[in-house]
Amino acid sequence: MSHNAELGRRGEQLAVEHLEARGMQVLERNWRCRIGEIDIVARDGHDTVFVEVKTRTSGDYGHPFEAITPLKLARMRRLAIAWCEATDAPVSRIRIDAVAVLAPIEAPALIEHLEGIN
């Protein structure tokens, strides 16, 4: 497994633990369809939440949230619709969140969570 893939898996696991600690229920991880992948699908009360996780080991290439461009957000909206159409899960409201994980090799990770990005 490449360093980036391993880092991504670690970041997603830390994001799942963070979301669950906040009382969210993780429904799916790494859901894929022909237009892309959703890192995490979760339930937060009545909201179905689609979560993009960005992980970095340092800020050398900018903050992880900087990688979430308007184009990426548009794709996330299309992916959220595709997930809703592909599953029988009841959905009343949808929300798109982002989790940034700054995970230095020799230090504890820092996790930031933005709710309802648009």
PDB file of N, CA and C in Angstrom:
ATOM      1  N   MET A   1       0.839  -1.168   0.000  1.00  0.00           N
ATOM      2  CA  MET A   1       0.000   0.000   0.000  1.00  0.00           C
ATOM      3  C   MET A   1       0.893   1.243   0.000  1.00  0.00           C
ATOM      4  N   SER A   2       0.530   2.222  -0.812  1.00  0.00           N
ATOM      5  CA  SER A   2       1.344   3.436  -0.900  1.00  0.00           C
ATOM      6  C   SER A   2       1.192   4.275   0.368  1.00  0.00           C
ATOM      7  N   HIS A   3       2.152   5.156   0.576  1.00  0.00           N
ATOM      8  CA  HIS A   3       2.119   6.052   1.738  1.00  0.00           C
ATOM      9  C   HIS A   3       0.840   6.890   1.742  1.00  0.00           C
ATOM     10  N   ASN A   4       0.460   7.431   0.567  1.00  0.00           N
ATOM     11  CA  ASN A   4      -0.742   8.262   0.494  1.00  0.00           C
ATOM     12  C   ASN A   4      -2.007   7.471   0.794  1.00  0.00           C
ATOM     13  N   ALA A   5      -2.100   6.244   0.293  1.00  0.00           N
ATOM     14  CA  ALA A   5      -3.271   5.413   0.565  1.00  0.00           C
ATOM     15  C   ALA A   5      -3.348   5.077   2.052  1.00  0.00           C
ATOM     16  N   GLU A   6      -2.220   4.751   2.647  1.00  0.00           N
ATOM     17  CA  GLU A   6      -2.175   4.446   4.075  1.00  0.00           C
ATOM     18  C   GLU A   6      -2.561   5.676   4.901  1.00  0.00           C
ATOM     19  N   LEU A   7      -2.047   6.830   4.532  1.00  0.00           N
ATOM     20  CA  LEU A   7      -2.382   8.072   5.222  1.00  0.00           C
ATOM     21  C   LEU A   7      -3.875   8.364   5.093  1.00  0.00           C
ATOM     22  N   GLY A   8      -4.416   8.168   3.906  1.00  0.00           N
ATOM     23  CA  GLY A   8      -5.849   8.387   3.689  1.00  0.00           C
ATOM     24  C   GLY A   8      -6.707   7.477   4.537  1.00  0.00           C
ATOM     25  N   ARG A   9      -6.335   6.209   4.622  1.00  0.00           N
ATOM     26  CA  ARG A   9      -7.089   5.257   5.455  1.00  0.00           C
ATOM     27  C   ARG A   9      -7.024   5.655   6.929  1.00  0.00           C
ATOM     28  N   ARG A  10      -5.832   6.059   7.361  1.00  0.00           N
ATOM     29  CA  ARG A  10      -5.680   6.495   8.755  1.00  0.00           C
ATOM     30  C   ARG A  10      -6.556   7.724   9.034  1.00  0.00           C
ATOM     31  N   GLY A  11      -6.529   8.683   8.107  1.00  0.00           N
ATOM     32  CA  GLY A  11      -7.338   9.886   8.269  1.00  0.00           C
ATOM     33  C   GLY A  11      -8.821   9.582   8.309  1.00  0.00           C
ATOM     34  N   GLU A  12      -9.274   8.682   7.437  1.00  0.00           N
ATOM     35  CA  GLU A  12     -10.690   8.315   7.435  1.00  0.00           C
ATOM     36  C   GLU A  12     -11.080   7.606   8.721  1.00  0.00           C
ATOM     37  N   GLN A  13     -10.211   6.756   9.247  1.00  0.00           N
ATOM     38  CA  GLN A  13     -10.512   6.079  10.506  1.00  0.00           C
ATOM     39  C   GLN A  13     -10.608   7.092  11.655  1.00  0.00           C
ATOM     40  N   LEU A  14      -9.687   8.045  11.685  1.00  0.00           N
ATOM     41  CA  LEU A  14      -9.741   9.085  12.712  1.00  0.00           C
ATOM     42  C   LEU A  14     -11.006   9.930  12.565  1.00  0.00           C
ATOM     43  N   ALA A  15     -11.410  10.203  11.323  1.00  0.00           N
ATOM     44  CA  ALA A  15     -12.638  10.962  11.086  1.00  0.00           C
ATOM     45  C   ALA A  15     -13.861  10.185  11.574  1.00  0.00           C
ATOM     46  N   VAL A  16     -13.908   8.876  11.292  1.00  0.00           N
ATOM     47  CA  VAL A  16     -15.016   8.041  11.769  1.00  0.00           C
ATOM     48  C   VAL A  16     -15.092   8.081  13.291  1.00  0.00           C
ATOM     49  N   GLU A  17     -13.958   7.922  13.946  1.00  0.00           N
ATOM     50  CA  GLU A  17     -13.938   7.955  15.413  1.00  0.00           C
ATOM     51  C   GLU A  17     -14.417   9.306  15.936  1.00  0.00           C
ATOM     52  N   HIS A  18     -14.020  10.376  15.278  1.00  0.00           N
ATOM     53  CA  HIS A  18     -14.447  11.723  15.660  1.00  0.00           C
ATOM     54  C   HIS A  18     -15.966  11.871  15.513  1.00  0.00           C
ATOM     55  N   LEU A  19     -16.496  11.449  14.366  1.00  0.00           N
ATOM     56  CA  LEU A  19     -17.930  11.575  14.114  1.00  0.00           C
ATOM     57  C   LEU A  19     -18.739  10.740  15.109  1.00  0.00           C
ATOM     58  N   GLU A  20     -18.297   9.516  15.352  1.00  0.00           N
ATOM     59  CA  GLU A  20     -19.005   8.656  16.302  1.00  0.00           C
ATOM     60  C   GLU A  20     -18.960   9.226  17.714  1.00  0.00           C
ATOM     61  N   ALA A  21     -17.839   9.829  18.090  1.00  0.00           N
ATOM     62  CA  ALA A  21     -17.720  10.448  19.414  1.00  0.00           C
ATOM     63  C   ALA A  21     -18.684  11.624  19.552  1.00  0.00           C
ATOM     64  N   ARG A  22     -19.062  12.234  18.437  1.00  0.00           N
ATOM     65  CA  ARG A  22     -20.030  13.338  18.445  1.00  0.00           C
ATOM     66  C   ARG A  22     -21.465  12.825  18.352  1.00  0.00           C
ATOM     67  N   GLY A  23     -21.645  11.515  18.373  1.00  0.00           N
ATOM     68  CA  GLY A  23     -22.979  10.941  18.370  1.00  0.00           C
ATOM     69  C   GLY A  23     -23.538  10.609  17.004  1.00  0.00           C
ATOM     70  N   MET A  24     -22.721  10.724  15.970  1.00  0.00           N
ATOM     71  CA  MET A  24     -23.191  10.398  14.628  1.00  0.00           C
ATOM     72  C   MET A  24     -23.057   8.893  14.390  1.00  0.00           C
ATOM     73  N   GLN A  25     -23.954   8.366  13.568  1.00  0.00           N
ATOM     74  CA  GLN A  25     -23.923   6.948  13.215  1.00  0.00           C
ATOM     75  C   GLN A  25     -23.378   6.823  11.792  1.00  0.00           C
ATOM     76  N   VAL A  26     -22.279   6.122  11.643  1.00  0.00           N
ATOM     77  CA  VAL A  26     -21.691   5.923  10.312  1.00  0.00           C
ATOM     78  C   VAL A  26     -22.467   4.825   9.600  1.00  0.00           C
ATOM     79  N   LEU A  27     -22.975   5.162   8.425  1.00  0.00           N
ATOM     80  CA  LEU A  27     -23.762   4.213   7.629  1.00  0.00           C
ATOM     81  C   LEU A  27     -22.909   3.489   6.598  1.00  0.00           C
ATOM     82  N   GLU A  28     -21.990   4.225   5.982  1.00  0.00           N
ATOM     83  CA  GLU A  28     -21.142   3.631   4.941  1.00  0.00           C
ATOM     84  C   GLU A  28     -19.800   4.341   4.902  1.00  0.00           C
ATOM     85  N   ARG A  29     -18.809   3.601   4.428  1.00  0.00           N
ATOM     86  CA  ARG A  29     -17.482   4.165   4.178  1.00  0.00           C
ATOM     87  C   ARG A  29     -17.078   3.818   2.760  1.00  0.00           C
ATOM     88  N   ASN A  30     -16.458   4.767   2.090  1.00  0.00           N
ATOM     89  CA  ASN A  30     -15.925   4.563   0.740  1.00  0.00           C
ATOM     90  C   ASN A  30     -16.967   4.029  -0.240  1.00  0.00           C
ATOM     91  N   TRP A  31     -18.146   4.659  -0.242  1.00  0.00           N
ATOM     92  CA  TRP A  31     -19.204   4.277  -1.187  1.00  0.00           C
ATOM     93  C   TRP A  31     -18.821   4.792  -2.564  1.00  0.00           C
ATOM     94  N   ARG A  32     -18.889   3.897  -3.549  1.00  0.00           N
ATOM     95  CA  ARG A  32     -18.465   4.247  -4.905  1.00  0.00           C
ATOM     96  C   ARG A  32     -19.592   4.044  -5.907  1.00  0.00           C
ATOM     97  N   CYS A  33     -19.556   4.891  -6.915  1.00  0.00           N
ATOM     98  CA  CYS A  33     -20.413   4.718  -8.085  1.00  0.00           C
ATOM     99  C   CYS A  33     -19.626   5.233  -9.291  1.00  0.00           C
ATOM    100  N   ARG A  34     -20.255   5.294 -10.429  1.00  0.00           N
ATOM    101  CA  ARG A  34     -19.525   5.661 -11.651  1.00  0.00           C
ATOM    102  C   ARG A  34     -18.997   7.094 -11.642  1.00  0.00           C
ATOM    103  N   ILE A  35     -19.576   7.978 -10.812  1.00  0.00           N
ATOM    104  CA  ILE A  35     -19.115   9.375 -10.828  1.00  0.00           C
ATOM    105  C   ILE A  35     -18.115   9.701  -9.727  1.00  0.00           C
ATOM    106  N   GLY A  36     -17.856   8.744  -8.830  1.00  0.00           N
ATOM    107  CA  GLY A  36     -16.864   9.007  -7.798  1.00  0.00           C
ATOM    108  C   GLY A  36     -17.104   8.242  -6.518  1.00  0.00           C
ATOM    109  N   GLU A  37     -16.568   8.773  -5.436  1.00  0.00           N
ATOM    110  CA  GLU A  37     -16.600   8.099  -4.139  1.00  0.00           C
ATOM    111  C   GLU A  37     -16.963   9.079  -3.030  1.00  0.00           C
ATOM    112  N   ILE A  38     -17.764   8.600  -2.098  1.00  0.00           N
ATOM    113  CA  ILE A  38     -18.059   9.349  -0.882  1.00  0.00           C
ATOM    114  C   ILE A  38     -17.266   8.688   0.236  1.00  0.00           C
ATOM    115  N   ASP A  39     -16.464   9.480   0.941  1.00  0.00           N
ATOM    116  CA  ASP A  39     -15.627   8.912   1.998  1.00  0.00           C
ATOM    117  C   ASP A  39     -16.471   8.312   3.120  1.00  0.00           C
ATOM    118  N   ILE A  40     -17.425   9.087   3.632  1.00  0.00           N
ATOM    119  CA  ILE A  40     -18.251   8.629   4.749  1.00  0.00           C
ATOM    120  C   ILE A  40     -19.681   9.117   4.547  1.00  0.00           C
ATOM    121  N   VAL A  41     -20.639   8.217   4.780  1.00  0.00           N
ATOM    122  CA  VAL A  41     -22.051   8.590   4.860  1.00  0.00           C
ATOM    123  C   VAL A  41     -22.469   8.310   6.292  1.00  0.00           C
ATOM    124  N   ALA A  42     -23.081   9.300   6.928  1.00  0.00           N
ATOM    125  CA  ALA A  42     -23.439   9.160   8.336  1.00  0.00           C
ATOM    126  C   ALA A  42     -24.831   9.731   8.584  1.00  0.00           C
ATOM    127  N   ARG A  43     -25.365   9.399   9.745  1.00  0.00           N
ATOM    128  CA  ARG A  43     -26.639   9.964  10.188  1.00  0.00           C
ATOM    129  C   ARG A  43     -26.358  10.819  11.415  1.00  0.00           C
ATOM    130  N   ASP A  44     -26.890  12.045  11.392  1.00  0.00           N
ATOM    131  CA  ASP A  44     -26.773  12.965  12.516  1.00  0.00           C
ATOM    132  C   ASP A  44     -28.177  13.454  12.830  1.00  0.00           C
ATOM    133  N   GLY A  45     -28.836  12.787  13.776  1.00  0.00           N
ATOM    134  CA  GLY A  45     -30.241  13.096  14.033  1.00  0.00           C
ATOM    135  C   GLY A  45     -31.053  12.727  12.813  1.00  0.00           C
ATOM    136  N   HIS A  46     -31.758  13.713  12.248  1.00  0.00           N
ATOM    137  CA  HIS A  46     -32.566  13.471  11.045  1.00  0.00           C
ATOM    138  C   HIS A  46     -31.794  13.730   9.760  1.00  0.00           C
ATOM    139  N   ASP A  47     -30.566  14.210   9.873  1.00  0.00           N
ATOM    140  CA  ASP A  47     -29.771  14.541   8.687  1.00  0.00           C
ATOM    141  C   ASP A  47     -28.970  13.336   8.205  1.00  0.00           C
ATOM    142  N   THR A  48     -28.949  13.147   6.896  1.00  0.00           N
ATOM    143  CA  THR A  48     -28.012  12.220   6.273  1.00  0.00           C
ATOM    144  C   THR A  48     -26.837  13.080   5.836  1.00  0.00           C
ATOM    145  N   VAL A  49     -25.653  12.708   6.302  1.00  0.00           N
ATOM    146  CA  VAL A  49     -24.477  13.554   6.136  1.00  0.00           C
ATOM    147  C   VAL A  49     -23.458  12.852   5.236  1.00  0.00           C
ATOM    148  N   PHE A  50     -23.006  13.576   4.230  1.00  0.00           N
ATOM    149  CA  PHE A  50     -22.001  13.085   3.302  1.00  0.00           C
ATOM    150  C   PHE A  50     -20.705  13.819   3.636  1.00  0.00           C
ATOM    151  N   VAL A  51     -19.677  13.047   3.995  1.00  0.00           N
ATOM    152  CA  VAL A  51     -18.470  13.635   4.564  1.00  0.00           C
ATOM    153  C   VAL A  51     -17.274  13.420   3.649  1.00  0.00           C
ATOM    154  N   GLU A  52     -16.609  14.509   3.324  1.00  0.00           N
ATOM    155  CA  GLU A  52     -15.348  14.474   2.589  1.00  0.00           C
ATOM    156  C   GLU A  52     -14.225  14.597   3.611  1.00  0.00           C
ATOM    157  N   VAL A  53     -13.280  13.670   3.565  1.00  0.00           N
ATOM    158  CA  VAL A  53     -12.152  13.672   4.499  1.00  0.00           C
ATOM    159  C   VAL A  53     -10.880  14.004   3.728  1.00  0.00           C
ATOM    160  N   LYS A  54     -10.141  14.979   4.226  1.00  0.00           N
ATOM    161  CA  LYS A  54      -8.851  15.337   3.639  1.00  0.00           C
ATOM    162  C   LYS A  54      -7.795  15.218   4.725  1.00  0.00           C
ATOM    163  N   THR A  55      -6.740  14.474   4.433  1.00  0.00           N
ATOM    164  CA  THR A  55      -5.697  14.201   5.420  1.00  0.00           C
ATOM    165  C   THR A  55      -4.347  14.653   4.887  1.00  0.00           C
ATOM    166  N   ARG A  56      -3.579  15.289   5.754  1.00  0.00           N
ATOM    167  CA  ARG A  56      -2.221  15.712   5.427  1.00  0.00           C
ATOM    168  C   ARG A  56      -1.320  15.410   6.628  1.00  0.00           C
ATOM    169  N   THR A  57      -0.026  15.255   6.374  1.00  0.00           N
ATOM    170  CA  THR A  57       0.921  15.076   7.484  1.00  0.00           C
ATOM    171  C   THR A  57       1.454  16.407   7.975  1.00  0.00           C
ATOM    172  N   SER A  58       1.321  17.456   7.147  1.00  0.00           N
ATOM    173  CA  SER A  58       1.794  18.784   7.542  1.00  0.00           C
ATOM    174  C   SER A  58       1.010  19.821   6.751  1.00  0.00           C
ATOM    175  N   GLY A  59       1.257  21.067   7.066  1.00  0.00           N
ATOM    176  CA  GLY A  59       0.629  22.156   6.336  1.00  0.00           C
ATOM    177  C   GLY A  59       1.477  22.671   5.195  1.00  0.00           C
ATOM    178  N   ASP A  60       2.511  21.926   4.812  1.00  0.00           N
ATOM    179  CA  ASP A  60       3.429  22.369   3.763  1.00  0.00           C
ATOM    180  C   ASP A  60       2.732  22.666   2.440  1.00  0.00           C
ATOM    181  N   TYR A  61       1.664  21.953   2.151  1.00  0.00           N
ATOM    182  CA  TYR A  61       0.950  22.150   0.892  1.00  0.00           C
ATOM    183  C   TYR A  61      -0.410  22.788   1.128  1.00  0.00           C
ATOM    184  N   GLY A  62      -0.540  23.510   2.225  1.00  0.00           N
ATOM    185  CA  GLY A  62      -1.797  24.178   2.541  1.00  0.00           C
ATOM    186  C   GLY A  62      -2.635  23.348   3.499  1.00  0.00           C
ATOM    187  N   HIS A  63      -3.660  23.985   4.015  1.00  0.00           N
ATOM    188  CA  HIS A  63      -4.588  23.319   4.930  1.00  0.00           C
ATOM    189  C   HIS A  63      -5.387  22.274   4.150  1.00  0.00           C
ATOM    190  N   PRO A  64      -5.718  21.150   4.775  1.00  0.00           N
ATOM    191  CA  PRO A  64      -6.489  20.128   4.062  1.00  0.00           C
ATOM    192  C   PRO A  64      -7.796  20.644   3.449  1.00  0.00           C
ATOM    193  N   PHE A  65      -8.469  21.594   4.114  1.00  0.00           N
ATOM    194  CA  PHE A  65      -9.721  22.123   3.566  1.00  0.00           C
ATOM    195  C   PHE A  65      -9.515  22.845   2.238  1.00  0.00           C
ATOM    196  N   GLU A  66      -8.302  23.329   1.983  1.00  0.00           N
ATOM    197  CA  GLU A  66      -8.040  24.027   0.724  1.00  0.00           C
ATOM    198  C   GLU A  66      -8.196  23.108  -0.485  1.00  0.00           C
ATOM    199  N   ALA A  67      -8.146  21.799  -0.269  1.00  0.00           N
ATOM    200  CA  ALA A  67      -8.293  20.841  -1.366  1.00  0.00           C
ATOM    201  C   ALA A  67      -9.759  20.624  -1.750  1.00  0.00           C
ATOM    202  N   ILE A  68     -10.675  21.201  -0.976  1.00  0.00           N
ATOM    203  CA  ILE A  68     -12.099  21.053  -1.286  1.00  0.00           C
ATOM    204  C   ILE A  68     -12.528  22.274  -2.095  1.00  0.00           C
ATOM    205  N   THR A  69     -12.473  22.109  -3.386  1.00  0.00           N
ATOM    206  CA  THR A  69     -12.745  23.188  -4.332  1.00  0.00           C
ATOM    207  C   THR A  69     -14.244  23.243  -4.659  1.00  0.00           C
ATOM    208  N   PRO A  70     -14.694  24.309  -5.303  1.00  0.00           N
ATOM    209  CA  PRO A  70     -16.093  24.348  -5.758  1.00  0.00           C
ATOM    210  C   PRO A  70     -16.440  23.167  -6.668  1.00  0.00           C
ATOM    211  N   LEU A  71     -15.504  22.744  -7.495  1.00  0.00           N
ATOM    212  CA  LEU A  71     -15.727  21.579  -8.360  1.00  0.00           C
ATOM    213  C   LEU A  71     -15.938  20.315  -7.523  1.00  0.00           C
ATOM    214  N   LYS A  72     -15.125  20.138  -6.473  1.00  0.00           N
ATOM    215  CA  LYS A  72     -15.264  18.984  -5.583  1.00  0.00           C
ATOM    216  C   LYS A  72     -16.616  19.023  -4.872  1.00  0.00           C
ATOM    217  N   LEU A  73     -17.042  20.212  -4.433  1.00  0.00           N
ATOM    218  CA  LEU A  73     -18.345  20.334  -3.768  1.00  0.00           C
ATOM    219  C   LEU A  73     -19.488  19.979  -4.716  1.00  0.00           C
ATOM    220  N   ALA A  74     -19.389  20.410  -5.946  1.00  0.00           N
ATOM    221  CA  ALA A  74     -20.417  20.072  -6.933  1.00  0.00           C
ATOM    222  C   ALA A  74     -20.485  18.560  -7.131  1.00  0.00           C
ATOM    223  N   ARG A  75     -19.328  17.913  -7.184  1.00  0.00           N
ATOM    224  CA  ARG A  75     -19.307  16.459  -7.317  1.00  0.00           C
ATOM    225  C   ARG A  75     -19.915  15.796  -6.078  1.00  0.00           C
ATOM    226  N   MET A  76     -19.621  16.342  -4.898  1.00  0.00           N
ATOM    227  CA  MET A  76     -20.199  15.790  -3.663  1.00  0.00           C
ATOM    228  C   MET A  76     -21.726  15.874  -3.688  1.00  0.00           C
ATOM    229  N   ARG A  77     -22.266  16.965  -4.199  1.00  0.00           N
ATOM    230  CA  ARG A  77     -23.730  17.091  -4.299  1.00  0.00           C
ATOM    231  C   ARG A  77     -24.296  16.023  -5.234  1.00  0.00           C
ATOM    232  N   ARG A  78     -23.625  15.827  -6.378  1.00  0.00           N
ATOM    233  CA  ARG A  78     -24.091  14.790  -7.322  1.00  0.00           C
ATOM    234  C   ARG A  78     -23.967  13.401  -6.698  1.00  0.00           C
ATOM    235  N   LEU A  79     -22.889  13.163  -5.960  1.00  0.00           N
ATOM    236  CA  LEU A  79     -22.709  11.868  -5.295  1.00  0.00           C
ATOM    237  C   LEU A  79     -23.769  11.649  -4.217  1.00  0.00           C
ATOM    238  N   ALA A  80     -24.122  12.693  -3.486  1.00  0.00           N
ATOM    239  CA  ALA A  80     -25.163  12.570  -2.462  1.00  0.00           C
ATOM    240  C   ALA A  80     -26.485  12.159  -3.102  1.00  0.00           C
ATOM    241  N   ILE A  81     -26.819  12.776  -4.217  1.00  0.00           N
ATOM    242  CA  ILE A  81     -28.050  12.414  -4.936  1.00  0.00           C
ATOM    243  C   ILE A  81     -27.966  10.978  -5.427  1.00  0.00           C
ATOM    244  N   ALA A  82     -26.821  10.584  -5.970  1.00  0.00           N
ATOM    245  CA  ALA A  82     -26.654   9.208  -6.462  1.00  0.00           C
ATOM    246  C   ALA A  82     -26.812   8.207  -5.331  1.00  0.00           C
ATOM    247  N   TRP A  83     -26.241   8.506  -4.149  1.00  0.00           N
ATOM    248  CA  TRP A  83     -26.365   7.596  -2.995  1.00  0.00           C
ATOM    249  C   TRP A  83     -27.826   7.468  -2.596  1.00  0.00           C
ATOM    250  N   CYS A  84     -28.536   8.593  -2.528  1.00  0.00           N
ATOM    251  CA  CYS A  84     -29.959   8.562  -2.144  1.00  0.00           C
ATOM    252  C   CYS A  84     -30.775   7.731  -3.134  1.00  0.00           C
ATOM    253  N   GLU A  85     -30.467   7.864  -4.417  1.00  0.00           N
ATOM    254  CA  GLU A  85     -31.185   7.101  -5.443  1.00  0.00           C
ATOM    255  C   GLU A  85     -30.833   5.619  -5.406  1.00  0.00           C
ATOM    256  N   ALA A  86     -29.617   5.284  -4.982  1.00  0.00           N
ATOM    257  CA  ALA A  86     -29.145   3.893  -5.020  1.00  0.00           C
ATOM    258  C   ALA A  86     -29.495   3.100  -3.765  1.00  0.00           C
ATOM    259  N   THR A  87     -29.905   3.775  -2.704  1.00  0.00           N
ATOM    260  CA  THR A  87     -30.194   3.075  -1.453  1.00  0.00           C
ATOM    261  C   THR A  87     -31.645   3.251  -1.072  1.00  0.00           C
ATOM    262  N   ASP A  88     -32.093   2.392  -0.184  1.00  0.00           N
ATOM    263  CA  ASP A  88     -33.457   2.487   0.329  1.00  0.00           C
ATOM    264  C   ASP A  88     -33.497   3.198   1.675  1.00  0.00           C
ATOM    265  N   ALA A  89     -32.385   3.802   2.066  1.00  0.00           N
ATOM    266  CA  ALA A  89     -32.329   4.471   3.366  1.00  0.00           C
ATOM    267  C   ALA A  89     -33.259   5.681   3.369  1.00  0.00           C
ATOM    268  N   PRO A  90     -34.014   5.851   4.452  1.00  0.00           N
ATOM    269  CA  PRO A  90     -34.874   7.040   4.532  1.00  0.00           C
ATOM    270  C   PRO A  90     -34.021   8.301   4.686  1.00  0.00           C
ATOM    271  N   VAL A  91     -34.326   9.300   3.878  1.00  0.00           N
ATOM    272  CA  VAL A  91     -33.562  10.547   3.901  1.00  0.00           C
ATOM    273  C   VAL A  91     -34.548  11.702   4.006  1.00  0.00           C
ATOM    274  N   SER A  92     -34.425  12.483   5.072  1.00  0.00           N
ATOM    275  CA  SER A  92     -35.291  13.662   5.177  1.00  0.00           C
ATOM    276  C   SER A  92     -34.529  14.924   4.782  1.00  0.00           C
ATOM    277  N   ARG A  93     -33.318  15.060   5.272  1.00  0.00           N
ATOM    278  CA  ARG A  93     -32.466  16.207   4.920  1.00  0.00           C
ATOM    279  C   ARG A  93     -31.065  15.694   4.663  1.00  0.00           C
ATOM    280  N   ILE A  94     -30.359  16.360   3.734  1.00  0.00           N
ATOM    281  CA  ILE A  94     -28.967  15.989   3.498  1.00  0.00           C
ATOM    282  C   ILE A  94     -28.073  17.171   3.846  1.00  0.00           C
ATOM    283  N   ARG A  95     -26.851  16.830   4.207  1.00  0.00           N
ATOM    284  CA  ARG A  95     -25.856  17.838   4.574  1.00  0.00           C
ATOM    285  C   ARG A  95     -24.508  17.344   4.078  1.00  0.00           C
ATOM    286  N   ILE A  96     -23.663  18.272   3.657  1.00  0.00           N
ATOM    287  CA  ILE A  96     -22.303  17.921   3.263  1.00  0.00           C
ATOM    288  C   ILE A  96     -21.356  18.536   4.282  1.00  0.00           C
ATOM    289  N   ASP A  97     -20.532  17.682   4.874  1.00  0.00           N
ATOM    290  CA  ASP A  97     -19.542  18.101   5.860  1.00  0.00           C
ATOM    291  C   ASP A  97     -18.146  17.813   5.328  1.00  0.00           C
ATOM    292  N   ALA A  98     -17.178  18.442   5.943  1.00  0.00           N
ATOM    293  CA  ALA A  98     -15.773  18.166   5.633  1.00  0.00           C
ATOM    294  C   ALA A  98     -15.020  17.952   6.933  1.00  0.00           C
ATOM    295  N   VAL A  99     -14.129  16.973   6.915  1.00  0.00           N
ATOM    296  CA  VAL A  99     -13.251  16.724   8.060  1.00  0.00           C
ATOM    297  C   VAL A  99     -11.817  16.823   7.571  1.00  0.00           C
ATOM    298  N   ALA A 100     -11.053  17.689   8.230  1.00  0.00           N
ATOM    299  CA  ALA A 100      -9.628  17.824   7.936  1.00  0.00           C
ATOM    300  C   ALA A 100      -8.853  17.118   9.032  1.00  0.00           C
ATOM    301  N   VAL A 101      -7.909  16.288   8.632  1.00  0.00           N
ATOM    302  CA  VAL A 101      -7.056  15.583   9.583  1.00  0.00           C
ATOM    303  C   VAL A 101      -5.619  15.979   9.283  1.00  0.00           C
ATOM    304  N   LEU A 102      -4.998  16.603  10.259  1.00  0.00           N
ATOM    305  CA  LEU A 102      -3.582  16.918  10.168  1.00  0.00           C
ATOM    306  C   LEU A 102      -2.879  15.904  11.056  1.00  0.00           C
ATOM    307  N   ALA A 103      -2.194  14.945  10.426  1.00  0.00           N
ATOM    308  CA  ALA A 103      -1.659  13.782  11.133  1.00  0.00           C
ATOM    309  C   ALA A 103      -0.148  13.688  10.969  1.00  0.00           C
ATOM    310  N   PRO A 104       0.606  14.489  11.745  1.00  0.00           N
ATOM    311  CA  PRO A 104       2.068  14.370  11.679  1.00  0.00           C
ATOM    312  C   PRO A 104       2.504  12.962  12.098  1.00  0.00           C
ATOM    313  N   ILE A 105       3.610  12.524  11.556  1.00  0.00           N
ATOM    314  CA  ILE A 105       4.083  11.167  11.818  1.00  0.00           C
ATOM    315  C   ILE A 105       4.409  10.954  13.295  1.00  0.00           C
ATOM    316  N   GLU A 106       5.005  11.927  13.935  1.00  0.00           N
ATOM    317  CA  GLU A 106       5.488  11.762  15.311  1.00  0.00           C
ATOM    318  C   GLU A 106       4.656  12.514  16.353  1.00  0.00           C
ATOM    319  N   ALA A 107       3.415  12.883  16.025  1.00  0.00           N
ATOM    320  CA  ALA A 107       2.607  13.659  16.971  1.00  0.00           C
ATOM    321  C   ALA A 107       1.137  13.272  16.838  1.00  0.00           C
ATOM    322  N   PRO A 108       0.342  13.600  17.849  1.00  0.00           N
ATOM    323  CA  PRO A 108      -1.091  13.301  17.761  1.00  0.00           C
ATOM    324  C   PRO A 108      -1.746  14.081  16.616  1.00  0.00           C
ATOM    325  N   ALA A 109      -2.795  13.510  16.076  1.00  0.00           N
ATOM    326  CA  ALA A 109      -3.514  14.134  14.966  1.00  0.00           C
ATOM    327  C   ALA A 109      -4.397  15.269  15.471  1.00  0.00           C
ATOM    328  N   LEU A 110      -4.588  16.259  14.617  1.00  0.00           N
ATOM    329  CA  LEU A 110      -5.508  17.357  14.865  1.00  0.00           C
ATOM    330  C   LEU A 110      -6.667  17.196  13.888  1.00  0.00           C
ATOM    331  N   ILE A 111      -7.891  17.227  14.402  1.00  0.00           N
ATOM    332  CA  ILE A 111      -9.069  17.007  13.571  1.00  0.00           C
ATOM    333  C   ILE A 111      -9.953  18.238  13.628  1.00  0.00           C
ATOM    334  N   GLU A 112     -10.364  18.714  12.456  1.00  0.00           N
ATOM    335  CA  GLU A 112     -11.310  19.827  12.345  1.00  0.00           C
ATOM    336  C   GLU A 112     -12.510  19.356  11.539  1.00  0.00           C
ATOM    337  N   HIS A 113     -13.689  19.789  11.945  1.00  0.00           N
ATOM    338  CA  HIS A 113     -14.930  19.347  11.318  1.00  0.00           C
ATOM    339  C   HIS A 113     -15.772  20.566  10.950  1.00  0.00           C
ATOM    340  N   LEU A 114     -16.078  20.709   9.678  1.00  0.00           N
ATOM    341  CA  LEU A 114     -16.969  21.772   9.211  1.00  0.00           C
ATOM    342  C   LEU A 114     -18.301  21.151   8.818  1.00  0.00           C
ATOM    343  N   GLU A 115     -19.381  21.647   9.381  1.00  0.00           N
ATOM    344  CA  GLU A 115     -20.711  21.136   9.074  1.00  0.00           C
ATOM    345  C   GLU A 115     -21.393  22.027   8.039  1.00  0.00           C
ATOM    346  N   GLY A 116     -22.095  21.376   7.141  1.00  0.00           N
ATOM    347  CA  GLY A 116     -22.922  22.102   6.187  1.00  0.00           C
ATOM    348  C   GLY A 116     -22.153  23.028   5.256  1.00  0.00           C
ATOM    349  N   ILE A 117     -21.094  22.506   4.668  1.00  0.00           N
ATOM    350  CA  ILE A 117     -20.339  23.344   3.720  1.00  0.00           C
ATOM    351  C   ILE A 117     -21.132  23.443   2.422  1.00  0.00           C
ATOM    352  N   ASN A 118     -20.985  24.540   1.736  1.00  0.00           N
ATOM    353  CA  ASN A 118     -21.649  24.696   0.444  1.00  0.00           C
ATOM    354  C   ASN A 118     -20.840  25.620  -0.365  1.00  0.00           C
TER     355      ASN A 118
END
